[in-house]
Amino acid sequence: MKDTLGREIRYLRVSLTDLCNLRCVYCMPPEGVSKQTHRDILSLEETEEIVQEAVALGVRKVRLTGGEPLVRRGMVSLCRRLRAIPELEELAVTTNGLLLPQMASELKEAGVDRVNISIDTLNPVKYNSITRIGSLDDALRGIEAAWTAGLRPLKLNCVLIGGFNDDEIPAFAALTEQADIEVRFIELMPIGHTTPFGETAYLPCEAVLQRLPQLVPAGDNGGVAERYRLPGAIGTLGLIRPLSNCFCARCNRLRLTADGCLKPCLHSKEEIPLRGLHGEALREQLLTAIRHKPEQHGLLRFDSRSESARNMNAIGG
């Protein structure tokens, strides 16, 4: 399944909810978001049907996201049903990890291959500040639960924010020395609730290479991430640079929102509704989304914001 530029679309990110049990400053307003009714969002059965059609068209990797996907009732059951789709090669989840102590083993049993856990600081005070309500201890317990359950390789997503966590780059890198963990530094994107951040917060991932000049390349199988390794380390570091090094030419994904719209590009206003469609009509709408995938998104900088009409919690990480 290729778009008009020859990019093979093999990856679908599925948001199960725009709700979250944290209130991260760059993602959500402090009061959270209004809870949608069941009529407002896709049922698990509708989500499964859309994924089945996408897989029939060539998608081979599905990632469940939110908001926080683990707060969605029936999420584990959905994972079990998605894993039963024969052609699906990988089922992953992006989570803040807070519910993993209770759910990691269930997710593994249901067929989830691995998880990405979002964690932007290793300092408990700063963790509470950036999440507004969260506890670092809870996040660390989630990471441990994922590791114990065998949800590996384990990836930790860290949004790089100048003046907030750039002093922690060596500490995050040290996590990779003794374990098969990939720490992924992601440039802060000017979308949604990142408005309060000043220009210096938009720190390029080049800062990681400057702070850790001993890093060596670690191969190119990290998708959009440029992968590096500390000498002798078991794990790796990934750099994801949507601002400083646009990777649109390699983008192979679509995004499904919780209310049933398909986004051909994260940073585009365009959304293609899928809800209520079945069979051939659903398949044709999926193909329409693929044909509408743009060559690249617009300029992203502190003073040039994303054109997306939604905040990140309503799109999915």
Protein backbone atom coordinates (compact mmCIF):
# COMPACT_ATOMS: atom_id res chain seq x y z
CA MET A 1 0.00 0.00 0.00
CA LYS A 2 1.86 3.07 -1.28
CA ASP A 3 0.98 6.73 -1.33
CA THR A 4 1.36 9.00 -4.35
CA LEU A 5 5.05 9.54 -3.53
CA GLY A 6 5.87 5.84 -3.28
CA ARG A 7 6.05 5.69 0.51
CA GLU A 8 4.81 2.30 1.74
CA ILE A 9 2.19 2.84 4.45
CA ARG A 10 2.66 0.08 6.99
CA TYR A 11 2.00 1.78 10.33
CA LEU A 12 -1.27 2.87 11.97
CA ARG A 13 -1.43 4.75 15.26
CA VAL A 14 -4.79 4.33 16.96
CA SER A 15 -5.94 6.72 19.69
CA LEU A 16 -8.37 4.99 22.04
CA THR A 17 -9.25 8.06 24.10
CA ASP A 18 -8.29 11.70 24.56
CA LEU A 19 -8.50 11.28 28.34
CA CYS A 20 -5.41 10.88 30.51
CA ASN A 21 -4.54 10.37 34.16
CA LEU A 22 -1.83 13.04 33.87
CA ARG A 23 -1.95 16.67 32.72
CA CYS A 24 1.38 17.15 30.98
CA VAL A 25 2.06 20.82 30.30
CA TYR A 26 2.81 20.39 26.58
CA CYS A 27 -0.17 18.13 25.94
CA MET A 28 -3.25 19.07 27.96
CA PRO A 29 -4.86 22.04 29.70
CA PRO A 30 -4.51 22.04 33.51
CA GLU A 31 -8.16 21.15 34.04
CA GLY A 32 -7.97 18.18 31.67
CA VAL A 33 -10.53 17.72 28.89
CA SER A 34 -14.27 17.22 28.93
CA LYS A 35 -15.17 13.55 29.01
CA GLN A 36 -16.76 12.38 25.80
CA THR A 37 -19.73 10.04 25.83
CA HIS A 38 -19.54 6.55 24.38
CA ARG A 39 -21.47 7.89 21.39
CA ASP A 40 -18.68 10.39 20.69
CA ILE A 41 -15.88 7.88 20.30
CA LEU A 42 -15.34 4.71 18.33
CA SER A 43 -16.50 1.54 19.98
CA LEU A 44 -13.91 -1.19 20.35
CA GLU A 45 -15.72 -3.10 17.62
CA GLU A 46 -15.51 -0.12 15.24
CA THR A 47 -11.83 0.29 16.02
CA GLU A 48 -11.20 -3.38 15.34
CA GLU A 49 -13.03 -3.18 12.00
CA ILE A 50 -10.97 -0.19 10.86
CA VAL A 51 -7.72 -1.90 11.87
CA GLN A 52 -8.74 -5.07 10.02
CA GLU A 53 -9.32 -3.09 6.82
CA ALA A 54 -6.05 -1.20 7.23
CA VAL A 55 -4.16 -4.46 7.68
CA ALA A 56 -5.87 -5.88 4.59
CA LEU A 57 -4.45 -2.90 2.70
CA GLY A 58 -0.90 -3.46 3.94
CA VAL A 59 -0.56 -2.03 7.45
CA ARG A 60 1.66 -4.34 9.49
CA LYS A 61 2.26 -2.36 12.69
CA VAL A 62 -0.38 -0.92 15.01
CA ARG A 63 0.32 1.27 18.02
CA LEU A 64 -2.41 2.02 20.55
CA THR A 65 -2.18 5.49 22.06
CA GLY A 66 -4.30 8.12 23.81
CA GLY A 67 -4.46 10.39 25.75
CA GLU A 68 -3.60 7.46 27.95
CA PRO A 69 -4.80 4.24 26.29
CA LEU A 70 -4.71 2.16 29.48
CA VAL A 71 -7.59 4.18 30.95
CA ARG A 72 -9.90 2.95 28.15
CA ARG A 73 -12.21 0.23 29.43
CA GLY A 74 -11.87 -2.99 27.42
CA MET A 75 -8.42 -2.07 26.14
CA VAL A 76 -6.89 -5.47 26.96
CA SER A 77 -9.74 -7.26 25.20
CA LEU A 78 -9.17 -5.11 22.12
CA CYS A 79 -5.47 -6.04 22.16
CA ARG A 80 -6.40 -9.70 22.18
CA ARG A 81 -8.69 -9.26 19.19
CA LEU A 82 -6.19 -7.21 17.22
CA ARG A 83 -3.46 -9.75 17.84
CA ALA A 84 -5.72 -12.38 16.24
CA ILE A 85 -5.49 -10.58 12.88
CA PRO A 86 -3.12 -12.93 11.00
CA GLU A 87 -1.22 -10.35 8.92
CA LEU A 88 -0.53 -7.98 11.83
CA GLU A 89 3.17 -8.24 12.61
CA GLU A 90 3.52 -5.90 15.60
CA LEU A 91 1.16 -4.57 18.26
CA ALA A 92 2.57 -1.86 20.52
CA VAL A 93 1.33 0.63 23.10
CA THR A 94 2.45 4.12 24.09
CA THR A 95 1.67 4.87 27.72
CA ASN A 96 2.76 7.00 30.65
CA GLY A 97 3.22 3.71 32.52
CA LEU A 98 1.22 4.54 35.64
CA LEU A 99 -1.21 1.63 35.18
CA LEU A 100 1.38 -0.91 34.04
CA PRO A 101 1.93 -2.45 37.51
CA GLN A 102 -1.65 -3.73 37.28
CA MET A 103 -1.81 -4.33 33.52
CA ALA A 104 1.60 -5.23 32.10
CA SER A 105 1.19 -9.00 32.44
CA GLU A 106 -2.34 -8.84 30.98
CA LEU A 107 -1.09 -6.84 28.02
CA LYS A 108 1.68 -9.31 27.35
CA GLU A 109 -0.74 -12.22 27.57
CA ALA A 110 -3.13 -10.42 25.22
CA GLY A 111 -0.42 -10.21 22.56
CA VAL A 112 1.13 -6.77 22.98
CA ASP A 113 4.73 -6.99 21.80
CA ARG A 114 6.21 -3.92 23.45
CA VAL A 115 5.51 -0.56 25.02
CA ASN A 116 6.90 2.95 24.78
CA ILE A 117 6.75 4.75 28.12
CA SER A 118 6.72 8.54 28.23
CA ILE A 119 8.98 9.98 30.93
CA ASP A 120 10.49 13.46 30.59
CA THR A 121 12.54 13.70 33.78
CA LEU A 122 14.16 11.52 36.44
CA ASN A 123 13.69 14.20 39.07
CA PRO A 124 10.57 13.67 41.24
CA VAL A 125 9.91 17.38 41.74
CA LYS A 126 10.22 18.15 38.03
CA TYR A 127 8.10 15.10 37.15
CA ASN A 128 5.26 16.39 39.29
CA SER A 129 5.71 19.84 37.73
CA ILE A 130 5.64 18.74 34.07
CA THR A 131 2.74 16.29 34.62
CA ARG A 132 0.99 18.62 37.10
CA ILE A 133 -0.32 15.67 39.15
CA GLY A 134 2.04 12.72 38.63
CA SER A 135 4.49 10.80 40.80
CA LEU A 136 7.86 9.69 39.45
CA ASP A 137 7.77 6.64 41.71
CA ASP A 138 4.59 5.48 39.97
CA ALA A 139 6.20 5.91 36.57
CA LEU A 140 9.31 3.98 37.61
CA ARG A 141 7.16 1.15 38.95
CA GLY A 142 5.47 1.05 35.56
CA ILE A 143 8.80 0.76 33.76
CA GLU A 144 9.82 -2.08 36.08
CA ALA A 145 6.50 -3.87 35.51
CA ALA A 146 6.87 -3.64 31.73
CA TRP A 147 10.38 -5.05 31.91
CA THR A 148 9.34 -7.90 34.21
CA ALA A 149 6.39 -8.79 31.98
CA GLY A 150 8.69 -9.11 28.96
CA LEU A 151 7.33 -6.11 27.02
CA ARG A 152 10.64 -5.60 25.24
CA PRO A 153 12.54 -4.00 23.68
CA LEU A 154 11.51 -1.25 26.04
CA LYS A 155 11.58 2.34 24.79
CA LEU A 156 11.43 5.44 26.97
CA ASN A 157 10.18 8.61 25.26
CA CYS A 158 11.63 11.86 26.58
CA VAL A 159 10.45 15.18 25.14
CA LEU A 160 13.57 17.36 25.11
CA ILE A 161 12.81 20.77 26.63
CA GLY A 162 15.49 23.43 26.92
CA GLY A 163 15.79 24.79 30.44
CA PHE A 164 13.80 21.90 31.88
CA ASN A 165 15.46 18.53 31.26
CA ASP A 166 18.48 19.16 29.02
CA ASP A 167 20.66 18.89 32.15
CA GLU A 168 19.45 15.28 32.50
CA ILE A 169 20.70 14.05 29.13
CA PRO A 170 23.66 12.12 30.68
CA ALA A 171 21.39 10.57 33.35
CA PHE A 172 18.92 9.32 30.73
CA ALA A 173 21.78 7.99 28.61
CA ALA A 174 23.12 6.07 31.62
CA LEU A 175 19.90 4.03 31.71
CA THR A 176 21.02 2.32 28.51
CA GLU A 177 24.36 1.12 29.82
CA GLN A 178 23.24 -2.07 31.58
CA ALA A 179 19.86 -2.86 29.98
CA ASP A 180 18.34 -3.31 26.52
CA ILE A 181 16.47 0.00 26.71
CA GLU A 182 16.22 2.68 24.07
CA VAL A 183 15.87 6.21 25.39
CA ARG A 184 14.34 8.35 22.66
CA PHE A 185 14.82 12.12 22.83
CA ILE A 186 12.02 13.87 20.93
CA GLU A 187 12.13 17.53 19.99
CA LEU A 188 9.33 19.60 21.52
CA MET A 189 6.79 20.35 18.81
CA PRO A 190 4.88 23.67 18.54
CA ILE A 191 1.43 22.11 18.70
CA GLY A 192 -1.52 22.63 21.02
CA HIS A 193 -0.61 23.37 24.62
CA THR A 194 3.08 24.01 24.00
CA THR A 195 2.12 27.69 23.70
CA PRO A 196 3.46 28.65 27.19
CA PHE A 197 6.99 27.53 26.30
CA GLY A 198 9.51 30.16 25.24
CA GLU A 199 11.78 29.92 22.23
CA THR A 200 14.68 28.36 24.15
CA ALA A 201 12.49 25.38 25.08
CA TYR A 202 12.60 24.18 21.47
CA LEU A 203 15.98 22.56 21.79
CA PRO A 204 17.31 20.59 18.81
CA CYS A 205 18.45 17.00 19.39
CA GLU A 206 21.91 18.14 18.36
CA ALA A 207 22.22 19.08 22.04
CA VAL A 208 22.34 15.36 22.88
CA LEU A 209 25.28 14.81 20.56
CA GLN A 210 27.04 17.84 22.01
CA ARG A 211 26.57 16.65 25.59
CA LEU A 212 27.59 13.09 24.72
CA PRO A 213 30.36 13.32 22.10
CA GLN A 214 31.34 9.72 22.80
CA LEU A 215 28.16 8.39 21.14
CA VAL A 216 28.60 6.11 18.12
CA PRO A 217 26.01 5.26 15.44
CA ALA A 218 23.94 2.16 16.26
CA GLY A 219 22.27 1.24 12.98
CA ASP A 220 19.22 2.53 11.19
CA ASN A 221 16.37 0.24 12.29
CA GLY A 222 14.86 2.79 14.66
CA GLY A 223 12.20 4.00 12.22
CA VAL A 224 12.26 7.79 12.30
CA ALA A 225 14.77 7.77 15.16
CA GLU A 226 18.49 8.20 14.51
CA ARG A 227 20.08 5.62 16.79
CA TYR A 228 23.30 5.93 18.79
CA ARG A 229 25.03 3.99 21.53
CA LEU A 230 27.37 4.78 24.38
CA PRO A 231 30.57 2.72 24.00
CA GLY A 232 29.98 -0.64 25.66
CA ALA A 233 26.32 0.02 26.42
CA ILE A 234 23.68 -2.66 25.96
CA GLY A 235 20.90 -0.24 25.02
CA THR A 236 20.67 2.67 22.61
CA LEU A 237 19.66 6.30 22.31
CA GLY A 238 17.27 7.53 19.64
CA LEU A 239 17.00 11.08 18.34
CA ILE A 240 13.68 12.14 16.78
CA ARG A 241 13.97 15.52 15.07
CA PRO A 242 10.67 16.77 13.61
CA LEU A 243 11.92 20.38 13.73
CA SER A 244 15.63 20.28 13.01
CA ASN A 245 15.71 17.40 10.53
CA CYS A 246 12.36 16.77 8.83
CA PHE A 247 11.85 13.03 8.21
CA CYS A 248 8.63 13.28 6.15
CA ALA A 249 10.24 11.44 3.23
CA ARG A 250 10.41 8.33 5.44
CA CYS A 251 6.99 8.69 7.08
CA ASN A 252 5.00 5.47 6.72
CA ARG A 253 2.11 6.11 9.13
CA LEU A 254 -1.48 7.20 9.44
CA ARG A 255 -3.24 8.25 12.65
CA LEU A 256 -6.76 7.32 13.73
CA THR A 257 -8.37 9.60 16.30
CA ALA A 258 -10.61 8.28 19.05
CA ASP A 259 -13.68 9.80 17.39
CA GLY A 260 -12.98 8.05 14.10
CA CYS A 261 -11.07 10.49 11.87
CA LEU A 262 -7.98 9.49 9.93
CA LYS A 263 -5.12 12.00 9.81
CA PRO A 264 -2.79 11.51 6.82
CA CYS A 265 -0.30 13.85 8.54
CA LEU A 266 0.11 14.77 12.20
CA HIS A 267 0.63 18.46 11.41
CA SER A 268 -2.14 18.90 8.83
CA LYS A 269 -5.68 20.14 9.44
CA GLU A 270 -7.02 17.51 7.07
CA GLU A 271 -8.99 14.70 8.69
CA ILE A 272 -10.92 12.02 6.83
CA PRO A 273 -13.95 10.60 8.69
CA LEU A 274 -14.27 6.83 8.83
CA ARG A 275 -17.02 6.33 11.37
CA GLY A 276 -20.12 4.60 10.03
CA LEU A 277 -18.34 3.19 6.99
CA HIS A 278 -18.01 -0.55 6.37
CA GLY A 279 -16.64 -2.90 3.77
CA GLU A 280 -15.78 -1.38 0.41
CA ALA A 281 -16.76 2.14 1.51
CA LEU A 282 -14.39 1.96 4.48
CA ARG A 283 -11.59 0.58 2.35
CA GLU A 284 -12.02 3.33 -0.25
CA GLN A 285 -11.92 6.01 2.45
CA LEU A 286 -8.70 4.54 3.81
CA LEU A 287 -7.24 4.67 0.30
CA THR A 288 -8.39 8.29 0.01
CA ALA A 289 -6.44 9.13 3.17
CA ILE A 290 -3.34 7.50 1.75
CA ARG A 291 -3.70 9.44 -1.50
CA HIS A 292 -4.02 12.65 0.52
CA LYS A 293 -0.83 12.14 2.49
CA PRO A 294 1.22 15.30 1.86
CA GLU A 295 4.83 15.33 0.76
CA GLN A 296 5.76 17.03 4.03
CA HIS A 297 4.28 19.15 6.76
CA GLY A 298 4.69 22.89 7.01
CA LEU A 299 7.57 24.62 8.71
CA LEU A 300 7.74 23.86 12.44
CA ARG A 301 9.48 26.38 14.68
CA PHE A 302 8.83 28.39 17.82
CA ASP A 303 7.19 31.07 15.68
CA SER A 304 5.64 28.72 13.10
CA ARG A 305 3.18 26.38 14.74
CA SER A 306 1.65 23.12 13.60
CA GLU A 307 -1.45 23.41 11.43
CA SER A 308 -3.11 20.53 13.27
CA ALA A 309 -6.60 21.37 14.49
CA ARG A 310 -6.17 19.17 17.59
CA ASN A 311 -3.98 19.00 20.65
CA MET A 312 -1.69 15.98 21.04
CA ASN A 313 -3.94 14.28 23.62
CA ALA A 314 -6.68 14.17 20.96
CA ILE A 315 -4.38 12.79 18.25
CA GLY A 316 -2.22 10.20 19.98
CA GLY A 317 1.50 10.07 20.59
